[in-house]
Amino acid sequence: TRAEAFVVGLTMLLCVGGLMLPHFGNVIGRAFLGEDPAVRSWREAW
């Protein structure tokens, strides 16, 4: 039914969204806070 399809779609969206949260969090964090100094120093050393 439409209600079941909605629940299945919502569940899939939440699962995929949950998988993407770390990536989105990193992008948003860098956009607002700038790059982490530890990461910057690691990249420079590398």
All heavy atoms as atom14 arrays in JSON, in Angstrom:
{
  "sequence": "TRAEAFVVGLTMLLCVGGLMLPHFGNVIGRAFLGEDPAVRSWREAW",
  "atom14_mask": [
    [1, 1, 1, 1, 1, 1, 1, 0, 0, 0, 0, 0, 0, 0],
    [1, 1, 1, 1, 1, 1, 1, 1, 1, 1, 1, 0, 0, 0],
    [1, 1, 1, 1, 1, 0, 0, 0, 0, 0, 0, 0, 0, 0],
    [1, 1, 1, 1, 1, 1, 1, 1, 1, 0, 0, 0, 0, 0],
    [1, 1, 1, 1, 1, 0, 0, 0, 0, 0, 0, 0, 0, 0],
    [1, 1, 1, 1, 1, 1, 1, 1, 1, 1, 1, 0, 0, 0],
    [1, 1, 1, 1, 1, 1, 1, 0, 0, 0, 0, 0, 0, 0],
    [1, 1, 1, 1, 1, 1, 1, 0, 0, 0, 0, 0, 0, 0],
    [1, 1, 1, 1, 0, 0, 0, 0, 0, 0, 0, 0, 0, 0],
    [1, 1, 1, 1, 1, 1, 1, 1, 0, 0, 0, 0, 0, 0],
    [1, 1, 1, 1, 1, 1, 1, 0, 0, 0, 0, 0, 0, 0],
    [1, 1, 1, 1, 1, 1, 1, 1, 0, 0, 0, 0, 0, 0],
    [1, 1, 1, 1, 1, 1, 1, 1, 0, 0, 0, 0, 0, 0],
    [1, 1, 1, 1, 1, 1, 1, 1, 0, 0, 0, 0, 0, 0],
    [1, 1, 1, 1, 1, 1, 0, 0, 0, 0, 0, 0, 0, 0],
    [1, 1, 1, 1, 1, 1, 1, 0, 0, 0, 0, 0, 0, 0],
    [1, 1, 1, 1, 0, 0, 0, 0, 0, 0, 0, 0, 0, 0],
    [1, 1, 1, 1, 0, 0, 0, 0, 0, 0, 0, 0, 0, 0],
    [1, 1, 1, 1, 1, 1, 1, 1, 0, 0, 0, 0, 0, 0],
    [1, 1, 1, 1, 1, 1, 1, 1, 0, 0, 0, 0, 0, 0],
    [1, 1, 1, 1, 1, 1, 1, 1, 0, 0, 0, 0, 0, 0],
    [1, 1, 1, 1, 1, 1, 1, 0, 0, 0, 0, 0, 0, 0],
    [1, 1, 1, 1, 1, 1, 1, 1, 1, 1, 0, 0, 0, 0],
    [1, 1, 1, 1, 1, 1, 1, 1, 1, 1, 1, 0, 0, 0],
    [1, 1, 1, 1, 0, 0, 0, 0, 0, 0, 0, 0, 0, 0],
    [1, 1, 1, 1, 1, 1, 1, 1, 0, 0, 0, 0, 0, 0],
    [1, 1, 1, 1, 1, 1, 1, 0, 0, 0, 0, 0, 0, 0],
    [1, 1, 1, 1, 1, 1, 1, 1, 0, 0, 0, 0, 0, 0],
    [1, 1, 1, 1, 0, 0, 0, 0, 0, 0, 0, 0, 0, 0],
    [1, 1, 1, 1, 1, 1, 1, 1, 1, 1, 1, 0, 0, 0],
    [1, 1, 1, 1, 1, 0, 0, 0, 0, 0, 0, 0, 0, 0],
    [1, 1, 1, 1, 1, 1, 1, 1, 1, 1, 1, 0, 0, 0],
    [1, 1, 1, 1, 1, 1, 1, 1, 0, 0, 0, 0, 0, 0],
    [1, 1, 1, 1, 0, 0, 0, 0, 0, 0, 0, 0, 0, 0],
    [1, 1, 1, 1, 1, 1, 1, 1, 1, 0, 0, 0, 0, 0],
    [1, 1, 1, 1, 1, 1, 1, 1, 0, 0, 0, 0, 0, 0],
    [1, 1, 1, 1, 1, 1, 1, 0, 0, 0, 0, 0, 0, 0],
    [1, 1, 1, 1, 1, 0, 0, 0, 0, 0, 0, 0, 0, 0],
    [1, 1, 1, 1, 1, 1, 1, 0, 0, 0, 0, 0, 0, 0],
    [1, 1, 1, 1, 1, 1, 1, 1, 1, 1, 1, 0, 0, 0],
    [1, 1, 1, 1, 1, 1, 0, 0, 0, 0, 0, 0, 0, 0],
    [1, 1, 1, 1, 1, 1, 1, 1, 1, 1, 1, 1, 1, 1],
    [1, 1, 1, 1, 1, 1, 1, 1, 1, 1, 1, 0, 0, 0],
    [1, 1, 1, 1, 1, 1, 1, 1, 1, 0, 0, 0, 0, 0],
    [1, 1, 1, 1, 1, 0, 0, 0, 0, 0, 0, 0, 0, 0],
    [1, 1, 1, 1, 1, 1, 1, 1, 1, 1, 1, 1, 1, 1]
  ],
  "atom14_positions": [
    [[0.86, -1.18, 0.0], [0.0, 0.0, 0.0], [0.89, 1.23, 0.0], [2.11, 1.15, 0.18], [-0.9, 0.01, 1.25], [-0.07, 0.1, 2.4], [-1.76, -1.24, 1.31], [0.0, 0.0, 0.0], [0.0, 0.0, 0.0], [0.0, 0.0, 0.0], [0.0, 0.0, 0.0], [0.0, 0.0, 0.0], [0.0, 0.0, 0.0], [0.0, 0.0, 0.0]],
    [[0.28, 2.36, -0.16], [1.07, 3.61, -0.17], [1.73, 3.84, 1.18], [2.85, 4.32, 1.25], [0.17, 4.79, -0.51], [-0.19, 4.83, -1.96], [-0.96, 6.08, -2.27], [-1.25, 6.12, -3.7], [-2.19, 6.83, -4.25], [-2.97, 7.57, -3.5], [-2.37, 6.83, -5.54], [0.0, 0.0, 0.0], [0.0, 0.0, 0.0], [0.0, 0.0, 0.0]],
    [[1.04, 3.52, 2.25], [1.61, 3.72, 3.59], [2.83, 2.82, 3.78], [3.86, 3.26, 4.33], [0.56, 3.43, 4.65], [0.0, 0.0, 0.0], [0.0, 0.0, 0.0], [0.0, 0.0, 0.0], [0.0, 0.0, 0.0], [0.0, 0.0, 0.0], [0.0, 0.0, 0.0], [0.0, 0.0, 0.0], [0.0, 0.0, 0.0], [0.0, 0.0, 0.0]],
    [[2.73, 1.57, 3.34], [3.87, 0.66, 3.47], [5.04, 1.13, 2.61], [6.19, 1.08, 3.02], [3.46, -0.76, 3.09], [2.51, -1.41, 4.06], [1.95, -2.72, 3.53], [1.88, -2.89, 2.29], [1.59, -3.58, 4.36], [0.0, 0.0, 0.0], [0.0, 0.0, 0.0], [0.0, 0.0, 0.0], [0.0, 0.0, 0.0], [0.0, 0.0, 0.0]],
    [[4.73, 1.57, 1.39], [5.78, 2.07, 0.5], [6.44, 3.3, 1.11], [7.67, 3.47, 1.02], [5.2, 2.4, -0.87], [0.0, 0.0, 0.0], [0.0, 0.0, 0.0], [0.0, 0.0, 0.0], [0.0, 0.0, 0.0], [0.0, 0.0, 0.0], [0.0, 0.0, 0.0], [0.0, 0.0, 0.0], [0.0, 0.0, 0.0], [0.0, 0.0, 0.0]],
    [[5.65, 4.16, 1.76], [6.21, 5.34, 2.41], [7.16, 4.93, 3.54], [8.24, 5.49, 3.69], [5.08, 6.23, 2.95], [5.57, 7.41, 3.72], [6.13, 8.5, 3.06], [5.5, 7.43, 5.11], [6.6, 9.59, 3.77], [5.97, 8.5, 5.83], [6.52, 9.6, 5.15], [0.0, 0.0, 0.0], [0.0, 0.0, 0.0], [0.0, 0.0, 0.0]],
    [[6.74, 3.97, 4.34], [7.57, 3.51, 5.45], [8.87, 2.9, 4.92], [9.96, 3.16, 5.45], [6.81, 2.5, 6.33], [7.74, 1.82, 7.32], [5.67, 3.19, 7.05], [0.0, 0.0, 0.0], [0.0, 0.0, 0.0], [0.0, 0.0, 0.0], [0.0, 0.0, 0.0], [0.0, 0.0, 0.0], [0.0, 0.0, 0.0], [0.0, 0.0, 0.0]],
    [[8.79, 2.09, 3.86], [9.99, 1.48, 3.27], [10.89, 2.58, 2.72], [12.11, 2.57, 2.93], [9.6, 0.46, 2.17], [10.82, 0.04, 1.37], [8.92, -0.74, 2.79], [0.0, 0.0, 0.0], [0.0, 0.0, 0.0], [0.0, 0.0, 0.0], [0.0, 0.0, 0.0], [0.0, 0.0, 0.0], [0.0, 0.0, 0.0], [0.0, 0.0, 0.0]],
    [[10.34, 3.54, 2.01], [11.13, 4.64, 1.46], [11.78, 5.48, 2.55], [12.95, 5.86, 2.44], [0.0, 0.0, 0.0], [0.0, 0.0, 0.0], [0.0, 0.0, 0.0], [0.0, 0.0, 0.0], [0.0, 0.0, 0.0], [0.0, 0.0, 0.0], [0.0, 0.0, 0.0], [0.0, 0.0, 0.0], [0.0, 0.0, 0.0], [0.0, 0.0, 0.0]],
    [[11.02, 5.78, 3.61], [11.57, 6.55, 4.72], [12.7, 5.79, 5.4], [13.74, 6.37, 5.73], [10.47, 6.87, 5.73], [10.87, 7.71, 6.93], [11.31, 9.1, 6.46], [9.73, 7.81, 7.91], [0.0, 0.0, 0.0], [0.0, 0.0, 0.0], [0.0, 0.0, 0.0], [0.0, 0.0, 0.0], [0.0, 0.0, 0.0], [0.0, 0.0, 0.0]],
    [[12.52, 4.49, 5.57], [13.57, 3.67, 6.19], [14.83, 3.67, 5.34], [15.95, 3.82, 5.84], [13.06, 2.22, 6.39], [11.86, 2.26, 7.15], [14.09, 1.37, 7.08], [0.0, 0.0, 0.0], [0.0, 0.0, 0.0], [0.0, 0.0, 0.0], [0.0, 0.0, 0.0], [0.0, 0.0, 0.0], [0.0, 0.0, 0.0], [0.0, 0.0, 0.0]],
    [[14.66, 3.52, 4.04], [15.83, 3.54, 3.14], [16.52, 4.9, 3.19], [17.74, 4.98, 3.22], [15.4, 3.2, 1.71], [15.0, 1.76, 1.52], [14.35, 1.41, -0.12], [15.71, 1.85, -1.16], [0.0, 0.0, 0.0], [0.0, 0.0, 0.0], [0.0, 0.0, 0.0], [0.0, 0.0, 0.0], [0.0, 0.0, 0.0], [0.0, 0.0, 0.0]],
    [[15.73, 5.96, 3.2], [16.3, 7.31, 3.26], [17.09, 7.51, 4.56], [18.2, 8.06, 4.53], [15.19, 8.34, 3.16], [15.62, 9.8, 3.21], [16.41, 10.14, 1.94], [14.42, 10.7, 3.34], [0.0, 0.0, 0.0], [0.0, 0.0, 0.0], [0.0, 0.0, 0.0], [0.0, 0.0, 0.0], [0.0, 0.0, 0.0], [0.0, 0.0, 0.0]],
    [[16.54, 7.05, 5.68], [17.25, 7.18, 6.94], [18.54, 6.37, 6.95], [19.56, 6.82, 7.47], [16.34, 6.77, 8.1], [15.22, 7.74, 8.44], [14.31, 7.13, 9.5], [15.78, 9.06, 8.91], [0.0, 0.0, 0.0], [0.0, 0.0, 0.0], [0.0, 0.0, 0.0], [0.0, 0.0, 0.0], [0.0, 0.0, 0.0], [0.0, 0.0, 0.0]],
    [[18.49, 5.16, 6.39], [19.7, 4.33, 6.36], [20.79, 4.97, 5.5], [21.94, 5.08, 5.92], [19.36, 2.93, 5.83], [18.39, 1.96, 6.99], [0.0, 0.0, 0.0], [0.0, 0.0, 0.0], [0.0, 0.0, 0.0], [0.0, 0.0, 0.0], [0.0, 0.0, 0.0], [0.0, 0.0, 0.0], [0.0, 0.0, 0.0], [0.0, 0.0, 0.0]],
    [[20.43, 5.39, 4.31], [21.41, 6.01, 3.42], [21.89, 7.33, 4.0], [23.08, 7.65, 3.97], [20.83, 6.19, 2.0], [21.76, 7.01, 1.13], [20.55, 4.84, 1.37], [0.0, 0.0, 0.0], [0.0, 0.0, 0.0], [0.0, 0.0, 0.0], [0.0, 0.0, 0.0], [0.0, 0.0, 0.0], [0.0, 0.0, 0.0], [0.0, 0.0, 0.0]],
    [[20.95, 8.1, 4.58], [21.34, 9.36, 5.21], [22.29, 9.13, 6.37], [23.24, 9.88, 6.57], [0.0, 0.0, 0.0], [0.0, 0.0, 0.0], [0.0, 0.0, 0.0], [0.0, 0.0, 0.0], [0.0, 0.0, 0.0], [0.0, 0.0, 0.0], [0.0, 0.0, 0.0], [0.0, 0.0, 0.0], [0.0, 0.0, 0.0], [0.0, 0.0, 0.0]],
    [[22.05, 8.08, 7.15], [22.93, 7.76, 8.26], [24.32, 7.39, 7.79], [25.32, 7.72, 8.44], [0.0, 0.0, 0.0], [0.0, 0.0, 0.0], [0.0, 0.0, 0.0], [0.0, 0.0, 0.0], [0.0, 0.0, 0.0], [0.0, 0.0, 0.0], [0.0, 0.0, 0.0], [0.0, 0.0, 0.0], [0.0, 0.0, 0.0], [0.0, 0.0, 0.0]],
    [[24.39, 6.72, 6.66], [25.7, 6.37, 6.11], [26.45, 7.61, 5.63], [27.68, 7.66, 5.66], [25.55, 5.38, 4.95], [25.1, 3.97, 5.32], [24.81, 3.17, 4.05], [26.16, 3.28, 6.15], [0.0, 0.0, 0.0], [0.0, 0.0, 0.0], [0.0, 0.0, 0.0], [0.0, 0.0, 0.0], [0.0, 0.0, 0.0], [0.0, 0.0, 0.0]],
    [[25.7, 8.6, 5.17], [26.33, 9.8, 4.62], [26.62, 10.85, 5.69], [27.32, 11.82, 5.42], [25.42, 10.42, 3.55], [25.21, 9.53, 2.34], [26.74, 9.11, 1.51], [27.18, 10.67, 0.83], [0.0, 0.0, 0.0], [0.0, 0.0, 0.0], [0.0, 0.0, 0.0], [0.0, 0.0, 0.0], [0.0, 0.0, 0.0], [0.0, 0.0, 0.0]],
    [[26.1, 10.69, 6.91], [26.29, 11.71, 7.94], [27.75, 12.04, 8.23], [28.09, 13.23, 8.34], [25.59, 11.28, 9.23], [24.12, 11.66, 9.32], [23.55, 11.15, 10.63], [23.9, 13.14, 9.19], [0.0, 0.0, 0.0], [0.0, 0.0, 0.0], [0.0, 0.0, 0.0], [0.0, 0.0, 0.0], [0.0, 0.0, 0.0], [0.0, 0.0, 0.0]],
    [[28.65, 11.06, 8.38], [30.04, 11.44, 8.64], [30.63, 12.32, 7.55], [31.33, 13.3, 7.83], [30.77, 10.1, 8.72], [29.72, 9.12, 9.1], [28.46, 9.62, 8.45], [0.0, 0.0, 0.0], [0.0, 0.0, 0.0], [0.0, 0.0, 0.0], [0.0, 0.0, 0.0], [0.0, 0.0, 0.0], [0.0, 0.0, 0.0], [0.0, 0.0, 0.0]],
    [[30.32, 11.99, 6.3], [30.84, 12.79, 5.19], [30.26, 14.2, 5.23], [30.99, 15.19, 5.13], [30.51, 12.12, 3.86], [30.91, 12.94, 2.68], [32.23, 13.14, 2.33], [30.19, 13.67, 1.8], [32.29, 13.92, 1.27], [31.06, 14.26, 0.93], [0.0, 0.0, 0.0], [0.0, 0.0, 0.0], [0.0, 0.0, 0.0], [0.0, 0.0, 0.0]],
    [[28.93, 14.3, 5.39], [28.3, 15.62, 5.45], [28.82, 16.4, 6.65], [29.04, 17.6, 6.57], [26.78, 15.5, 5.53], [26.14, 15.01, 4.27], [25.04, 14.2, 4.32], [26.65, 15.34, 3.03], [24.44, 13.74, 3.16], [26.07, 14.89, 1.86], [24.95, 14.09, 1.93], [0.0, 0.0, 0.0], [0.0, 0.0, 0.0], [0.0, 0.0, 0.0]],
    [[29.01, 15.71, 7.78], [29.53, 16.38, 8.97], [30.91, 16.95, 8.73], [31.23, 18.06, 9.17], [0.0, 0.0, 0.0], [0.0, 0.0, 0.0], [0.0, 0.0, 0.0], [0.0, 0.0, 0.0], [0.0, 0.0, 0.0], [0.0, 0.0, 0.0], [0.0, 0.0, 0.0], [0.0, 0.0, 0.0], [0.0, 0.0, 0.0], [0.0, 0.0, 0.0]],
    [[31.75, 16.2, 8.03], [33.1, 16.69, 7.72], [33.04, 17.92, 6.82], [33.77, 18.89, 7.02], [33.93, 15.6, 7.06], [34.32, 14.52, 8.04], [34.34, 14.74, 9.23], [34.64, 13.35, 7.52], [0.0, 0.0, 0.0], [0.0, 0.0, 0.0], [0.0, 0.0, 0.0], [0.0, 0.0, 0.0], [0.0, 0.0, 0.0], [0.0, 0.0, 0.0]],
    [[32.18, 17.86, 5.81], [32.07, 18.98, 4.87], [31.55, 20.22, 5.58], [32.09, 21.32, 5.44], [31.15, 18.6, 3.69], [30.82, 19.81, 2.84], [31.8, 17.52, 2.86], [0.0, 0.0, 0.0], [0.0, 0.0, 0.0], [0.0, 0.0, 0.0], [0.0, 0.0, 0.0], [0.0, 0.0, 0.0], [0.0, 0.0, 0.0], [0.0, 0.0, 0.0]],
    [[30.49, 20.03, 6.37], [29.91, 21.17, 7.08], [30.9, 21.72, 8.12], [31.06, 22.93, 8.26], [28.58, 20.75, 7.75], [27.53, 20.47, 6.68], [28.08, 21.84, 8.7], [26.28, 19.81, 7.21], [0.0, 0.0, 0.0], [0.0, 0.0, 0.0], [0.0, 0.0, 0.0], [0.0, 0.0, 0.0], [0.0, 0.0, 0.0], [0.0, 0.0, 0.0]],
    [[31.57, 20.83, 8.83], [32.54, 21.27, 9.83], [33.67, 22.08, 9.21], [34.08, 23.11, 9.74], [0.0, 0.0, 0.0], [0.0, 0.0, 0.0], [0.0, 0.0, 0.0], [0.0, 0.0, 0.0], [0.0, 0.0, 0.0], [0.0, 0.0, 0.0], [0.0, 0.0, 0.0], [0.0, 0.0, 0.0], [0.0, 0.0, 0.0], [0.0, 0.0, 0.0]],
    [[34.19, 21.62, 8.07], [35.27, 22.37, 7.42], [34.75, 23.7, 6.9], [35.48, 24.7, 6.89], [35.87, 21.54, 6.29], [36.9, 20.57, 6.75], [37.72, 20.04, 5.6], [36.89, 19.42, 4.58], [36.69, 18.12, 4.45], [37.28, 17.3, 5.26], [35.93, 17.65, 3.5], [0.0, 0.0, 0.0], [0.0, 0.0, 0.0], [0.0, 0.0, 0.0]],
    [[33.49, 23.73, 6.43], [32.95, 24.97, 5.87], [32.82, 26.04, 6.96], [33.1, 27.21, 6.72], [31.59, 24.71, 5.22], [0.0, 0.0, 0.0], [0.0, 0.0, 0.0], [0.0, 0.0, 0.0], [0.0, 0.0, 0.0], [0.0, 0.0, 0.0], [0.0, 0.0, 0.0], [0.0, 0.0, 0.0], [0.0, 0.0, 0.0], [0.0, 0.0, 0.0]],
    [[32.38, 25.64, 8.16], [32.13, 26.63, 9.21], [33.32, 26.83, 10.14], [33.58, 27.94, 10.59], [30.91, 26.22, 10.03], [29.62, 26.4, 9.29], [28.97, 25.32, 8.77], [29.1, 27.66, 9.1], [27.78, 25.48, 8.07], [27.92, 27.84, 8.4], [27.26, 26.75, 7.88], [0.0, 0.0, 0.0], [0.0, 0.0, 0.0], [0.0, 0.0, 0.0]],
    [[34.03, 25.77, 10.45], [35.1, 25.87, 11.44], [36.49, 25.95, 10.84], [37.44, 26.24, 11.54], [35.04, 24.65, 12.37], [33.73, 24.45, 13.11], [33.76, 23.14, 13.87], [33.46, 25.6, 14.05], [0.0, 0.0, 0.0], [0.0, 0.0, 0.0], [0.0, 0.0, 0.0], [0.0, 0.0, 0.0], [0.0, 0.0, 0.0], [0.0, 0.0, 0.0]],
    [[36.61, 25.67, 9.57], [37.92, 25.59, 8.96], [38.5, 24.21, 9.17], [37.93, 23.36, 9.85], [0.0, 0.0, 0.0], [0.0, 0.0, 0.0], [0.0, 0.0, 0.0], [0.0, 0.0, 0.0], [0.0, 0.0, 0.0], [0.0, 0.0, 0.0], [0.0, 0.0, 0.0], [0.0, 0.0, 0.0], [0.0, 0.0, 0.0], [0.0, 0.0, 0.0]],
    [[39.65, 23.98, 8.58], [40.25, 22.66, 8.69], [40.89, 22.46, 10.06], [41.44, 23.39, 10.64], [41.3, 22.47, 7.6], [41.76, 21.05, 7.46], [42.59, 20.85, 6.22], [43.14, 21.83, 5.71], [42.7, 19.71, 5.78], [0.0, 0.0, 0.0], [0.0, 0.0, 0.0], [0.0, 0.0, 0.0], [0.0, 0.0, 0.0], [0.0, 0.0, 0.0]],
    [[40.81, 21.26, 10.55], [41.38, 20.91, 11.86], [42.9, 21.1, 11.79], [43.55, 20.63, 10.87], [41.03, 19.47, 12.18], [41.48, 19.04, 13.55], [41.86, 19.91, 14.35], [41.44, 17.83, 13.84], [0.0, 0.0, 0.0], [0.0, 0.0, 0.0], [0.0, 0.0, 0.0], [0.0, 0.0, 0.0], [0.0, 0.0, 0.0], [0.0, 0.0, 0.0]],
    [[43.49, 21.78, 12.77], [44.95, 22.0, 12.75], [45.74, 20.69, 12.74], [46.79, 20.61, 12.11], [45.22, 22.78, 14.03], [43.93, 23.4, 14.39], [42.86, 22.49, 13.87], [0.0, 0.0, 0.0], [0.0, 0.0, 0.0], [0.0, 0.0, 0.0], [0.0, 0.0, 0.0], [0.0, 0.0, 0.0], [0.0, 0.0, 0.0], [0.0, 0.0, 0.0]],
    [[45.24, 19.66, 13.42], [45.94, 18.37, 13.42], [45.95, 17.77, 12.02], [46.97, 17.23, 11.57], [45.29, 17.41, 14.4], [0.0, 0.0, 0.0], [0.0, 0.0, 0.0], [0.0, 0.0, 0.0], [0.0, 0.0, 0.0], [0.0, 0.0, 0.0], [0.0, 0.0, 0.0], [0.0, 0.0, 0.0], [0.0, 0.0, 0.0], [0.0, 0.0, 0.0]],
    [[44.84, 17.88, 11.33], [44.77, 17.36, 9.96], [45.68, 18.16, 9.05], [46.39, 17.6, 8.21], [43.31, 17.38, 9.44], [43.25, 17.01, 7.98], [42.43, 16.46, 10.28], [0.0, 0.0, 0.0], [0.0, 0.0, 0.0], [0.0, 0.0, 0.0], [0.0, 0.0, 0.0], [0.0, 0.0, 0.0], [0.0, 0.0, 0.0], [0.0, 0.0, 0.0]],
    [[45.68, 19.47, 9.24], [46.54, 20.32, 8.4], [48.01, 19.96, 8.61], [48.76, 19.82, 7.64], [46.3, 21.79, 8.72], [47.08, 22.71, 7.8], [46.86, 24.19, 8.1], [45.45, 24.54, 8.15], [44.86, 25.11, 9.2], [45.56, 25.4, 10.27], [43.59, 25.41, 9.16], [0.0, 0.0, 0.0], [0.0, 0.0, 0.0], [0.0, 0.0, 0.0]],
    [[48.42, 19.81, 9.87], [49.83, 19.49, 10.13], [50.17, 18.1, 9.6], [51.27, 17.88, 9.09], [50.13, 19.58, 11.62], [49.41, 18.59, 12.33], [0.0, 0.0, 0.0], [0.0, 0.0, 0.0], [0.0, 0.0, 0.0], [0.0, 0.0, 0.0], [0.0, 0.0, 0.0], [0.0, 0.0, 0.0], [0.0, 0.0, 0.0], [0.0, 0.0, 0.0]],
    [[49.22, 17.16, 9.68], [49.46, 15.82, 9.13], [49.65, 15.89, 7.62], [50.56, 15.28, 7.07], [48.29, 14.89, 9.47], [48.45, 13.53, 8.91], [49.15, 12.5, 9.45], [47.95, 13.06, 7.66], [49.09, 11.4, 8.63], [48.35, 11.72, 7.51], [47.16, 13.63, 6.65], [48.03, 10.96, 6.42], [46.84, 12.86, 5.56], [47.27, 11.54, 5.45]],
    [[48.77, 16.65, 6.95], [48.89, 16.77, 5.49], [50.2, 17.44, 5.08], [50.83, 17.06, 4.1], [47.72, 17.57, 4.93], [46.46, 16.77, 4.85], [45.39, 17.54, 4.14], [44.17, 16.74, 4.07], [42.99, 17.24, 3.85], [42.83, 18.53, 3.67], [41.94, 16.44, 3.79], [0.0, 0.0, 0.0], [0.0, 0.0, 0.0], [0.0, 0.0, 0.0]],
    [[50.59, 18.46, 5.84], [51.86, 19.14, 5.53], [53.04, 18.2, 5.73], [53.96, 18.17, 4.9], [52.01, 20.38, 6.39], [51.06, 21.5, 6.03], [51.08, 22.63, 7.03], [51.78, 22.52, 8.06], [50.39, 23.64, 6.78], [0.0, 0.0, 0.0], [0.0, 0.0, 0.0], [0.0, 0.0, 0.0], [0.0, 0.0, 0.0], [0.0, 0.0, 0.0]],
    [[53.03, 17.43, 6.8], [54.11, 16.47, 7.04], [54.14, 15.4, 5.97], [55.2, 15.0, 5.48], [53.95, 15.83, 8.42], [0.0, 0.0, 0.0], [0.0, 0.0, 0.0], [0.0, 0.0, 0.0], [0.0, 0.0, 0.0], [0.0, 0.0, 0.0], [0.0, 0.0, 0.0], [0.0, 0.0, 0.0], [0.0, 0.0, 0.0], [0.0, 0.0, 0.0]],
    [[52.97, 14.94, 5.56], [52.88, 13.92, 4.51], [53.42, 14.48, 3.2], [54.18, 13.81, 2.49], [51.42, 13.48, 4.35], [51.22, 12.4, 3.37], [51.58, 11.1, 3.47], [50.6, 12.53, 2.08], [51.22, 10.4, 2.36], [50.61, 11.26, 1.48], [50.02, 13.59, 1.4], [50.08, 11.03, 0.23], [49.49, 13.35, 0.16], [49.53, 12.08, -0.42]]
  ]
}
